[in-house]
Amino acid sequence: MVSAMLLMPAYSVAAAIASLWNKQAFESKDLEGAMQGMQFPLETPVGDIQITAPDRAENGAVVQVEVTSRIPNTESIAILVSKNPTPLIANFLFSNGAQPFVVTRIKMAETDDVQAIIKAGDQYFKASKRVEVLADGCN
């Protein structure tokens, strides 16, 4: 009985993570499918999103990307790369006034735009940055 009680919190955490996992969006093989899975409507391009990534990545297997949103009440930052085998790279959620800033390393199959889509209230905003990949990272 004690061992069952110890496993309950881990199960609860796993169930919570599974409920946040958007299988359709993360397993989509094209950008349109990932966008539909995330239920992104048309986005508005804005300058209040900063994407920091190399202009030229020597190796697409490791490309560091930083995204900062200066849009008030940012709720999430999604990172997408359309030419990757699965375009939705990540979706970060923010709450309780957390600073909307992320740093991650991604794989890129080939030269493409890294897109950041920001959700703030009922609005979606987009920015992109072109990264030239010199060696394929998604073999």
N, C-alpha and C. Protein backbone atom coordinates (compact mmCIF):
# COMPACT_ATOMS: atom_id res chain seq x y z
N MET A 1 0.82 -1.19 0.00
CA MET A 1 0.00 0.00 0.00
C MET A 1 0.87 1.26 0.00
N VAL A 2 1.94 1.23 0.76
CA VAL A 2 2.83 2.38 0.80
C VAL A 2 3.44 2.62 -0.58
N SER A 3 3.84 1.54 -1.25
CA SER A 3 4.44 1.72 -2.58
C SER A 3 3.42 2.30 -3.57
N ALA A 4 2.17 1.92 -3.45
CA ALA A 4 1.13 2.48 -4.31
C ALA A 4 0.97 3.97 -4.05
N MET A 5 1.06 4.37 -2.82
CA MET A 5 0.94 5.79 -2.48
C MET A 5 2.12 6.58 -3.03
N LEU A 6 3.32 5.96 -3.02
CA LEU A 6 4.49 6.66 -3.55
C LEU A 6 4.39 6.83 -5.06
N LEU A 7 3.75 5.91 -5.76
CA LEU A 7 3.62 6.00 -7.21
C LEU A 7 2.53 6.97 -7.64
N MET A 8 1.58 7.25 -6.80
CA MET A 8 0.48 8.14 -7.18
C MET A 8 0.95 9.52 -7.61
N PRO A 9 1.83 10.17 -6.86
CA PRO A 9 2.26 11.50 -7.33
C PRO A 9 2.92 11.46 -8.70
N ALA A 10 3.75 10.45 -8.95
CA ALA A 10 4.40 10.34 -10.26
C ALA A 10 3.36 10.13 -11.36
N TYR A 11 2.36 9.31 -11.08
CA TYR A 11 1.30 9.09 -12.06
C TYR A 11 0.54 10.38 -12.31
N SER A 12 0.27 11.12 -11.26
CA SER A 12 -0.45 12.40 -11.41
C SER A 12 0.34 13.38 -12.25
N VAL A 13 1.65 13.42 -12.02
CA VAL A 13 2.50 14.31 -12.82
C VAL A 13 2.50 13.86 -14.28
N ALA A 14 2.62 12.55 -14.51
CA ALA A 14 2.61 12.04 -15.88
C ALA A 14 1.28 12.33 -16.57
N ALA A 15 0.18 12.19 -15.85
CA ALA A 15 -1.13 12.48 -16.43
C ALA A 15 -1.25 13.96 -16.78
N ALA A 16 -0.73 14.82 -15.92
CA ALA A 16 -0.78 16.26 -16.20
C ALA A 16 0.04 16.60 -17.43
N ILE A 17 1.21 16.00 -17.56
CA ILE A 17 2.06 16.26 -18.73
C ILE A 17 1.37 15.74 -19.99
N ALA A 18 0.78 14.55 -19.92
CA ALA A 18 0.09 13.98 -21.08
C ALA A 18 -1.07 14.86 -21.52
N SER A 19 -1.76 15.49 -20.57
CA SER A 19 -2.89 16.34 -20.94
C SER A 19 -2.42 17.62 -21.63
N LEU A 20 -1.18 18.05 -21.39
CA LEU A 20 -0.64 19.25 -22.05
C LEU A 20 -0.02 18.93 -23.41
N TRP A 21 0.30 17.68 -23.66
CA TRP A 21 0.94 17.26 -24.90
C TRP A 21 -0.05 17.36 -26.05
N ASN A 22 0.28 18.11 -27.04
CA ASN A 22 -0.57 18.27 -28.22
C ASN A 22 -0.02 17.37 -29.31
N LYS A 23 -0.44 16.11 -29.29
CA LYS A 23 0.10 15.09 -30.19
C LYS A 23 -0.05 15.47 -31.66
N GLN A 24 -1.23 15.97 -32.04
CA GLN A 24 -1.47 16.32 -33.45
C GLN A 24 -0.47 17.37 -33.92
N ALA A 25 -0.25 18.39 -33.11
CA ALA A 25 0.65 19.48 -33.52
C ALA A 25 2.10 19.03 -33.56
N PHE A 26 2.56 18.32 -32.52
CA PHE A 26 3.97 17.93 -32.45
C PHE A 26 4.33 16.82 -33.43
N GLU A 27 3.36 15.99 -33.85
CA GLU A 27 3.67 14.91 -34.77
C GLU A 27 3.34 15.24 -36.22
N SER A 28 2.83 16.44 -36.47
CA SER A 28 2.52 16.85 -37.83
C SER A 28 3.79 16.90 -38.67
N LYS A 29 3.67 16.50 -39.92
CA LYS A 29 4.82 16.48 -40.83
C LYS A 29 4.94 17.73 -41.68
N ASP A 30 3.96 18.66 -41.55
CA ASP A 30 4.05 19.90 -42.31
C ASP A 30 3.61 21.07 -41.43
N LEU A 31 4.01 22.26 -41.86
CA LEU A 31 3.73 23.47 -41.09
C LEU A 31 2.24 23.71 -40.93
N GLU A 32 1.47 23.51 -41.99
CA GLU A 32 0.03 23.74 -41.93
C GLU A 32 -0.63 22.85 -40.88
N GLY A 33 -0.24 21.58 -40.82
CA GLY A 33 -0.79 20.65 -39.84
C GLY A 33 -0.42 21.04 -38.42
N ALA A 34 0.81 21.49 -38.23
CA ALA A 34 1.25 21.93 -36.89
C ALA A 34 0.46 23.17 -36.46
N MET A 35 0.26 24.09 -37.38
CA MET A 35 -0.49 25.32 -37.07
C MET A 35 -1.95 24.98 -36.74
N GLN A 36 -2.55 24.04 -37.49
CA GLN A 36 -3.93 23.64 -37.20
C GLN A 36 -4.01 22.94 -35.85
N GLY A 37 -3.04 22.09 -35.56
CA GLY A 37 -3.02 21.38 -34.28
C GLY A 37 -2.91 22.33 -33.10
N MET A 38 -2.16 23.40 -33.28
CA MET A 38 -2.02 24.40 -32.22
C MET A 38 -3.19 25.38 -32.22
N GLN A 39 -4.05 25.29 -33.22
CA GLN A 39 -5.21 26.16 -33.37
C GLN A 39 -4.81 27.63 -33.47
N PHE A 40 -3.75 27.88 -34.25
CA PHE A 40 -3.30 29.24 -34.47
C PHE A 40 -4.15 29.87 -35.57
N PRO A 41 -4.80 30.99 -35.30
CA PRO A 41 -5.47 31.72 -36.37
C PRO A 41 -4.42 32.53 -37.13
N LEU A 42 -4.83 33.42 -37.97
CA LEU A 42 -3.87 34.28 -38.66
C LEU A 42 -3.10 35.09 -37.64
N GLU A 43 -1.79 35.18 -37.83
CA GLU A 43 -0.95 35.92 -36.90
C GLU A 43 -0.65 37.30 -37.46
N THR A 44 -0.38 38.22 -36.57
CA THR A 44 -0.02 39.58 -36.95
C THR A 44 1.49 39.75 -36.76
N PRO A 45 2.25 40.07 -37.81
CA PRO A 45 3.68 40.31 -37.63
C PRO A 45 3.90 41.58 -36.80
N VAL A 46 4.80 41.51 -35.82
CA VAL A 46 5.09 42.66 -34.98
C VAL A 46 6.59 42.73 -34.69
N GLY A 47 7.02 43.91 -34.26
CA GLY A 47 8.42 44.11 -33.91
C GLY A 47 8.72 43.91 -32.44
N ASP A 48 7.72 43.55 -31.64
CA ASP A 48 7.92 43.37 -30.21
C ASP A 48 8.36 41.96 -29.85
N ILE A 49 8.78 41.20 -30.85
CA ILE A 49 9.30 39.85 -30.65
C ILE A 49 10.73 39.84 -31.17
N GLN A 50 11.65 39.39 -30.33
CA GLN A 50 13.05 39.34 -30.75
C GLN A 50 13.48 37.88 -30.84
N ILE A 51 13.98 37.50 -32.00
CA ILE A 51 14.54 36.17 -32.20
C ILE A 51 16.05 36.34 -32.39
N THR A 52 16.82 35.67 -31.54
CA THR A 52 18.28 35.70 -31.67
C THR A 52 18.72 34.30 -32.07
N ALA A 53 19.30 34.21 -33.25
CA ALA A 53 19.81 32.94 -33.79
C ALA A 53 20.92 33.30 -34.76
N PRO A 54 21.80 32.36 -35.05
CA PRO A 54 22.89 32.68 -35.99
C PRO A 54 22.36 32.92 -37.40
N ASP A 55 23.01 33.81 -38.13
CA ASP A 55 22.66 34.00 -39.53
C ASP A 55 23.05 32.75 -40.33
N ARG A 56 24.19 32.16 -39.93
CA ARG A 56 24.69 30.94 -40.57
C ARG A 56 25.02 29.93 -39.49
N ALA A 57 24.40 28.76 -39.56
CA ALA A 57 24.68 27.68 -38.61
C ALA A 57 25.62 26.69 -39.27
N GLU A 58 26.78 26.48 -38.69
CA GLU A 58 27.75 25.53 -39.24
C GLU A 58 27.19 24.12 -39.28
N ASN A 59 26.39 23.77 -38.27
CA ASN A 59 25.83 22.43 -38.17
C ASN A 59 24.37 22.54 -37.76
N GLY A 60 23.46 22.05 -38.59
CA GLY A 60 22.03 22.14 -38.29
C GLY A 60 21.61 21.28 -37.10
N ALA A 61 22.48 20.41 -36.62
CA ALA A 61 22.14 19.56 -35.49
C ALA A 61 22.05 20.35 -34.19
N VAL A 62 22.72 21.49 -34.11
CA VAL A 62 22.71 22.29 -32.89
C VAL A 62 22.65 23.77 -33.26
N VAL A 63 21.44 24.34 -33.22
CA VAL A 63 21.26 25.75 -33.53
C VAL A 63 20.60 26.40 -32.30
N GLN A 64 21.33 27.32 -31.68
CA GLN A 64 20.79 27.98 -30.49
C GLN A 64 19.83 29.09 -30.92
N VAL A 65 18.65 29.09 -30.31
CA VAL A 65 17.62 30.07 -30.60
C VAL A 65 17.13 30.68 -29.29
N GLU A 66 17.06 32.01 -29.27
CA GLU A 66 16.50 32.73 -28.13
C GLU A 66 15.30 33.53 -28.63
N VAL A 67 14.22 33.52 -27.86
CA VAL A 67 13.04 34.30 -28.22
C VAL A 67 12.62 35.11 -27.00
N THR A 68 12.44 36.41 -27.22
CA THR A 68 11.96 37.31 -26.18
C THR A 68 10.72 38.01 -26.70
N SER A 69 9.67 38.02 -25.90
CA SER A 69 8.45 38.75 -26.26
C SER A 69 8.31 39.96 -25.35
N ARG A 70 8.10 41.11 -25.96
CA ARG A 70 7.81 42.33 -25.20
C ARG A 70 6.32 42.68 -25.31
N ILE A 71 5.53 41.70 -25.69
CA ILE A 71 4.08 41.89 -25.81
C ILE A 71 3.47 41.66 -24.44
N PRO A 72 2.72 42.63 -23.93
CA PRO A 72 2.11 42.46 -22.60
C PRO A 72 1.22 41.22 -22.53
N ASN A 73 1.25 40.56 -21.38
CA ASN A 73 0.41 39.38 -21.09
C ASN A 73 0.69 38.20 -22.03
N THR A 74 1.95 38.02 -22.41
CA THR A 74 2.32 36.87 -23.23
C THR A 74 2.00 35.59 -22.47
N GLU A 75 1.26 34.69 -23.12
CA GLU A 75 0.87 33.42 -22.51
C GLU A 75 1.70 32.25 -23.02
N SER A 76 2.16 32.33 -24.28
CA SER A 76 2.95 31.22 -24.82
C SER A 76 3.85 31.69 -25.95
N ILE A 77 4.92 30.93 -26.14
CA ILE A 77 5.85 31.13 -27.26
C ILE A 77 6.01 29.78 -27.94
N ALA A 78 5.63 29.70 -29.21
CA ALA A 78 5.82 28.49 -30.00
C ALA A 78 6.94 28.76 -31.01
N ILE A 79 7.80 27.76 -31.21
CA ILE A 79 8.89 27.86 -32.18
C ILE A 79 8.65 26.82 -33.26
N LEU A 80 8.67 27.27 -34.53
CA LEU A 80 8.41 26.39 -35.66
C LEU A 80 9.46 26.58 -36.75
N VAL A 81 9.77 25.49 -37.46
CA VAL A 81 10.66 25.52 -38.61
C VAL A 81 9.98 24.66 -39.68
N SER A 82 9.49 25.30 -40.74
CA SER A 82 8.62 24.60 -41.71
C SER A 82 9.29 23.45 -42.44
N LYS A 83 10.59 23.51 -42.73
CA LYS A 83 11.24 22.46 -43.52
C LYS A 83 11.76 21.30 -42.67
N ASN A 84 11.50 21.32 -41.37
CA ASN A 84 11.90 20.20 -40.52
C ASN A 84 10.92 19.04 -40.69
N PRO A 85 11.34 17.81 -40.40
CA PRO A 85 10.43 16.66 -40.49
C PRO A 85 9.18 16.84 -39.62
N THR A 86 9.32 17.45 -38.46
CA THR A 86 8.18 17.86 -37.63
C THR A 86 8.38 19.34 -37.33
N PRO A 87 7.60 20.22 -37.96
CA PRO A 87 7.83 21.66 -37.90
C PRO A 87 7.69 22.31 -36.51
N LEU A 88 6.79 21.80 -35.66
CA LEU A 88 6.64 22.40 -34.34
C LEU A 88 7.77 21.92 -33.46
N ILE A 89 8.67 22.84 -33.11
CA ILE A 89 9.85 22.52 -32.32
C ILE A 89 9.51 22.52 -30.83
N ALA A 90 8.82 23.56 -30.38
CA ALA A 90 8.52 23.69 -28.95
C ALA A 90 7.36 24.65 -28.75
N ASN A 91 6.69 24.49 -27.61
CA ASN A 91 5.64 25.42 -27.21
C ASN A 91 5.79 25.65 -25.71
N PHE A 92 6.19 26.86 -25.34
CA PHE A 92 6.44 27.21 -23.95
C PHE A 92 5.25 28.00 -23.41
N LEU A 93 4.76 27.62 -22.24
CA LEU A 93 3.63 28.30 -21.61
C LEU A 93 4.11 29.14 -20.44
N PHE A 94 3.52 30.33 -20.27
CA PHE A 94 3.90 31.24 -19.20
C PHE A 94 2.67 31.60 -18.37
N SER A 95 2.87 31.75 -17.08
CA SER A 95 1.77 32.17 -16.22
C SER A 95 2.31 32.97 -15.05
N ASN A 96 1.40 33.61 -14.35
CA ASN A 96 1.74 34.36 -13.14
C ASN A 96 2.84 35.39 -13.35
N GLY A 97 2.83 36.06 -14.49
CA GLY A 97 3.79 37.13 -14.74
C GLY A 97 5.20 36.67 -15.06
N ALA A 98 5.38 35.41 -15.45
CA ALA A 98 6.71 34.93 -15.82
C ALA A 98 7.24 35.72 -17.01
N GLN A 99 8.54 35.96 -17.01
CA GLN A 99 9.15 36.71 -18.10
C GLN A 99 9.13 35.86 -19.38
N PRO A 100 8.53 36.36 -20.46
CA PRO A 100 8.43 35.58 -21.71
C PRO A 100 9.73 35.58 -22.49
N PHE A 101 10.65 34.72 -22.06
CA PHE A 101 11.97 34.60 -22.66
C PHE A 101 12.36 33.12 -22.63
N VAL A 102 12.82 32.59 -23.76
CA VAL A 102 13.28 31.21 -23.80
C VAL A 102 14.59 31.12 -24.58
N VAL A 103 15.41 30.16 -24.19
CA VAL A 103 16.63 29.82 -24.92
C VAL A 103 16.59 28.31 -25.09
N THR A 104 16.81 27.86 -26.31
CA THR A 104 16.82 26.42 -26.57
C THR A 104 17.75 26.14 -27.73
N ARG A 105 18.12 24.90 -27.87
CA ARG A 105 18.91 24.47 -29.03
C ARG A 105 18.02 23.55 -29.85
N ILE A 106 17.99 23.80 -31.14
CA ILE A 106 17.10 23.04 -32.02
C ILE A 106 17.91 22.41 -33.14
N LYS A 107 17.28 21.45 -33.82
CA LYS A 107 17.85 20.88 -35.04
C LYS A 107 17.12 21.51 -36.22
N MET A 108 17.87 21.76 -37.27
CA MET A 108 17.28 22.29 -38.51
C MET A 108 17.73 21.42 -39.67
N ALA A 109 16.78 20.97 -40.46
CA ALA A 109 17.07 20.10 -41.60
C ALA A 109 17.80 20.83 -42.71
N GLU A 110 17.44 22.11 -42.92
CA GLU A 110 18.05 22.89 -43.99
C GLU A 110 17.77 24.37 -43.75
N THR A 111 18.32 25.21 -44.59
CA THR A 111 18.11 26.65 -44.48
C THR A 111 16.62 26.96 -44.49
N ASP A 112 16.19 27.77 -43.52
CA ASP A 112 14.76 28.07 -43.38
C ASP A 112 14.60 29.22 -42.39
N ASP A 113 13.35 29.66 -42.26
CA ASP A 113 13.01 30.67 -41.26
C ASP A 113 12.66 29.98 -39.95
N VAL A 114 13.22 30.49 -38.86
CA VAL A 114 12.78 30.09 -37.52
C VAL A 114 11.64 31.04 -37.19
N GLN A 115 10.47 30.49 -36.90
CA GLN A 115 9.30 31.32 -36.62
C GLN A 115 8.95 31.24 -35.14
N ALA A 116 8.58 32.36 -34.57
CA ALA A 116 8.08 32.41 -33.20
C ALA A 116 6.66 32.95 -33.26
N ILE A 117 5.74 32.22 -32.66
CA ILE A 117 4.35 32.67 -32.58
C ILE A 117 4.01 32.88 -31.12
N ILE A 118 3.57 34.08 -30.82
CA ILE A 118 3.26 34.50 -29.45
C ILE A 118 1.77 34.59 -29.28
N LYS A 119 1.28 34.02 -28.19
CA LYS A 119 -0.14 34.14 -27.85
C LYS A 119 -0.24 35.09 -26.66
N ALA A 120 -1.08 36.11 -26.80
CA ALA A 120 -1.34 37.07 -25.73
C ALA A 120 -2.84 37.35 -25.75
N GLY A 121 -3.55 36.82 -24.75
CA GLY A 121 -5.01 36.94 -24.75
C GLY A 121 -5.57 36.16 -25.92
N ASP A 122 -6.43 36.80 -26.70
CA ASP A 122 -7.02 36.14 -27.87
C ASP A 122 -6.29 36.48 -29.16
N GLN A 123 -5.09 37.07 -29.05
CA GLN A 123 -4.35 37.48 -30.24
C GLN A 123 -3.08 36.67 -30.40
N TYR A 124 -2.66 36.51 -31.65
CA TYR A 124 -1.43 35.79 -31.98
C TYR A 124 -0.54 36.70 -32.80
N PHE A 125 0.75 36.68 -32.49
CA PHE A 125 1.72 37.54 -33.16
C PHE A 125 2.88 36.67 -33.64
N LYS A 126 3.51 37.10 -34.73
CA LYS A 126 4.54 36.28 -35.34
C LYS A 126 5.77 37.10 -35.70
N ALA A 127 6.92 36.45 -35.58
CA ALA A 127 8.18 37.01 -36.07
C ALA A 127 8.98 35.84 -36.63
N SER A 128 9.91 36.13 -37.51
CA SER A 128 10.75 35.07 -38.05
C SER A 128 12.16 35.58 -38.31
N LYS A 129 13.09 34.64 -38.36
CA LYS A 129 14.49 34.95 -38.65
C LYS A 129 15.05 33.84 -39.53
N ARG A 130 15.67 34.22 -40.61
CA ARG A 130 16.27 33.28 -41.56
C ARG A 130 17.59 32.76 -40.99
N VAL A 131 17.77 31.43 -41.03
CA VAL A 131 19.02 30.80 -40.61
C VAL A 131 19.50 29.93 -41.76
N GLU A 132 20.70 30.22 -42.23
CA GLU A 132 21.31 29.43 -43.30
C GLU A 132 22.04 28.26 -42.66
N VAL A 133 21.62 27.05 -43.00
CA VAL A 133 22.23 25.84 -42.44
C VAL A 133 23.26 25.30 -43.43
N LEU A 134 24.51 25.15 -42.95
CA LEU A 134 25.59 24.70 -43.81
C LEU A 134 25.76 23.17 -43.81
N ALA A 135 25.33 22.49 -42.73
CA ALA A 135 25.38 21.02 -42.66
C ALA A 135 24.08 20.53 -42.06
N ASP A 136 23.43 19.58 -42.74
CA ASP A 136 22.12 19.04 -42.37
C ASP A 136 22.13 18.49 -40.94
N GLY A 137 21.09 18.84 -40.16
CA GLY A 137 21.00 18.39 -38.78
C GLY A 137 19.92 17.39 -38.51
N CYS A 138 19.07 17.07 -39.48
CA CYS A 138 17.93 16.17 -39.24
C CYS A 138 18.01 14.92 -40.09
N ASN A 139 19.12 14.22 -40.04
CA ASN A 139 19.26 12.97 -40.81
C ASN A 139 18.46 11.87 -40.20
